[in-house]
Amino acid sequence: MDYIAKTHPSYKFVLYLHIFLLSLGTIVMKESPLFFILSGTFVVFLFLSLFFRFHLTIKNDIIKYKICLFSFPIYKKDIPSSMIVRINFVRRGWRIKTAIIKQKSKFPLRLMLFQPQSFYTDLLAYCERNHVEYTRSRDYLLLIKLDK
């Protein structure tokens, strides 16, 4: 099944805050071109990050992960079940469920805010079907109770 996540809404706040600080910096640092180059680059990156889309597909024994900017793929990764060491289900913040896929000799992959909400139960079924070790934190189990 296919799942989609968008950029976390807190990026909008960071973008607006940085634009405010940039406009405040124009008053204080009137003639510093390095300040404008660095701040402008950061603002452009934050603006583009609002348009990231994260796609995840769970197949029989492969998890396909793709990051797109607008509709153009900029990063793709196929993770077979044999490369997964463990999947940790944890809570981030107050109500955000997160799955962290730990891989052999690679960086962990953090998955959060994927829609539909059946993503976490499907990922848990993937773990059981492919005999992948998984852990669920106490806070994560509390979120499951609150969702019922």
Protein backbone atom coordinates (compact mmCIF):
# COMPACT_ATOMS: atom_id res chain seq x y z
CA MET A 1 0.00 0.00 0.00
CA ASP A 2 1.13 3.58 -0.65
CA TYR A 3 1.48 6.22 2.05
CA ILE A 4 2.18 9.94 1.75
CA ALA A 5 3.53 12.48 4.24
CA LYS A 6 4.00 16.20 3.84
CA THR A 7 6.52 18.50 5.47
CA HIS A 8 5.85 19.08 9.15
CA PRO A 9 3.80 22.27 9.75
CA SER A 10 6.43 23.69 12.11
CA TYR A 11 8.57 24.54 9.06
CA LYS A 12 6.10 27.30 8.22
CA PHE A 13 6.68 28.86 11.61
CA VAL A 14 10.46 28.64 11.19
CA LEU A 15 10.16 30.19 7.72
CA TYR A 16 8.08 33.12 8.96
CA LEU A 17 10.41 33.62 11.92
CA HIS A 18 13.46 33.66 9.69
CA ILE A 19 11.87 36.11 7.26
CA PHE A 20 11.10 38.37 10.23
CA LEU A 21 14.69 38.10 11.46
CA LEU A 22 15.96 38.75 7.93
CA SER A 23 13.92 41.93 7.71
CA LEU A 24 15.15 42.93 11.17
CA GLY A 25 18.72 42.18 10.06
CA THR A 26 18.37 44.55 7.10
CA ILE A 27 17.87 47.36 9.57
CA VAL A 28 20.84 46.42 11.76
CA MET A 29 23.34 45.12 9.16
CA LYS A 30 22.76 47.41 6.20
CA GLU A 31 25.94 46.70 4.29
CA SER A 32 26.84 43.07 4.99
CA PRO A 33 26.46 41.05 1.75
CA LEU A 34 27.48 37.79 3.46
CA PHE A 35 24.50 38.11 5.81
CA PHE A 36 22.10 38.48 2.88
CA ILE A 37 23.62 35.58 0.93
CA LEU A 38 23.47 33.16 3.86
CA SER A 39 20.03 34.26 5.03
CA GLY A 40 18.63 34.30 1.52
CA THR A 41 19.91 30.78 0.86
CA PHE A 42 18.37 29.58 4.10
CA VAL A 43 15.01 31.20 3.28
CA VAL A 44 14.99 29.62 -0.20
CA PHE A 45 15.73 26.19 1.30
CA LEU A 46 12.97 26.60 3.90
CA PHE A 47 10.54 27.72 1.23
CA LEU A 48 11.34 24.72 -0.98
CA SER A 49 11.06 22.37 2.01
CA LEU A 50 7.38 23.28 2.25
CA PHE A 51 6.87 21.41 -1.04
CA PHE A 52 8.59 18.14 -0.10
CA ARG A 53 6.41 15.02 -0.33
CA PHE A 54 7.45 11.73 1.21
CA HIS A 55 6.14 8.54 -0.39
CA LEU A 56 6.41 5.12 1.19
CA THR A 57 5.26 1.83 -0.26
CA ILE A 58 5.14 -1.40 1.71
CA LYS A 59 5.33 -4.48 -0.51
CA ASN A 60 5.80 -8.14 0.45
CA ASP A 61 9.37 -7.90 1.73
CA ILE A 62 10.52 -4.46 0.53
CA ILE A 63 9.88 -0.97 1.83
CA LYS A 64 10.23 1.67 -0.89
CA TYR A 65 10.92 5.21 0.27
CA LYS A 66 10.92 8.25 -2.02
CA ILE A 67 11.28 11.98 -1.43
CA CYS A 68 9.83 14.30 -4.07
CA LEU A 69 10.13 18.04 -4.53
CA PHE A 70 6.87 19.03 -6.20
CA SER A 71 6.47 15.87 -8.31
CA PHE A 72 10.15 15.29 -9.14
CA PRO A 73 11.85 12.47 -7.22
CA ILE A 74 15.07 13.64 -5.59
CA TYR A 75 15.81 10.57 -3.43
CA LYS A 76 14.81 6.91 -3.70
CA LYS A 77 15.60 4.00 -1.44
CA ASP A 78 14.54 0.35 -1.45
CA ILE A 79 14.95 -1.42 1.87
CA PRO A 80 14.59 -5.23 1.84
CA SER A 81 13.60 -6.91 5.09
CA SER A 82 17.02 -8.57 5.30
CA MET A 83 18.67 -5.14 5.72
CA ILE A 84 16.43 -4.07 8.60
CA VAL A 85 17.85 -4.65 12.06
CA ARG A 86 14.87 -3.36 14.03
CA ILE A 87 11.90 -1.02 13.83
CA ASN A 88 11.20 1.13 16.88
CA PHE A 89 7.75 2.59 17.34
CA VAL A 90 7.98 5.71 19.51
CA ARG A 91 6.10 8.90 20.27
CA ARG A 92 7.35 12.34 19.21
CA GLY A 93 5.83 15.36 20.86
CA TRP A 94 2.36 15.00 22.30
CA ARG A 95 0.47 13.05 19.66
CA ILE A 96 2.82 12.11 16.82
CA LYS A 97 3.49 8.43 16.21
CA THR A 98 6.93 7.72 14.76
CA ALA A 99 8.59 4.61 13.37
CA ILE A 100 12.38 4.46 13.25
CA ILE A 101 13.82 1.85 10.88
CA LYS A 102 17.34 0.86 11.92
CA GLN A 103 19.31 -0.63 9.04
CA LYS A 104 22.53 -2.59 8.81
CA SER A 105 25.45 -0.17 8.41
CA LYS A 106 23.23 2.73 7.28
CA PHE A 107 21.53 5.69 8.87
CA PRO A 108 18.16 5.14 10.57
CA LEU A 109 15.06 6.22 8.69
CA ARG A 110 12.46 8.18 10.71
CA LEU A 111 8.90 7.89 9.49
CA MET A 112 6.20 10.18 10.84
CA LEU A 113 3.03 11.95 9.75
CA PHE A 114 2.18 9.40 7.05
CA GLN A 115 -1.42 9.17 5.88
CA PRO A 116 -3.65 7.16 6.15
CA GLN A 117 -3.36 6.33 9.83
CA SER A 118 -3.33 2.60 9.06
CA PHE A 119 0.35 3.08 8.16
CA TYR A 120 1.57 2.07 11.62
CA THR A 121 -0.58 -1.05 11.85
CA ASP A 122 0.49 -2.05 8.33
CA LEU A 123 4.15 -1.52 9.23
CA LEU A 124 3.65 -3.66 12.33
CA ALA A 125 2.07 -6.38 10.17
CA TYR A 126 5.09 -6.10 7.82
CA CYS A 127 7.38 -6.75 10.81
CA GLU A 128 5.46 -9.83 11.86
CA ARG A 129 5.14 -11.17 8.31
CA ASN A 130 8.88 -10.83 7.56
CA HIS A 131 10.16 -11.69 11.07
CA VAL A 132 11.65 -8.24 11.63
CA GLU A 133 12.38 -7.35 15.24
CA TYR A 134 10.33 -4.42 16.55
CA THR A 135 9.81 -2.56 19.81
CA ARG A 136 7.01 -0.29 20.93
CA SER A 137 7.72 2.28 23.62
CA ARG A 138 5.44 2.79 26.59
CA ASP A 139 4.45 6.22 25.27
CA TYR A 140 3.58 4.73 21.87
CA LEU A 141 1.33 2.16 23.53
CA LEU A 142 -0.36 5.00 25.42
CA LEU A 143 -1.08 6.75 22.10
CA ILE A 144 -2.67 3.57 20.78
CA LYS A 145 -4.96 3.45 23.83
CA LEU A 146 -5.92 7.10 23.34
CA ASP A 147 -6.77 6.53 19.67
CA LYS A 148 -9.34 3.84 20.49
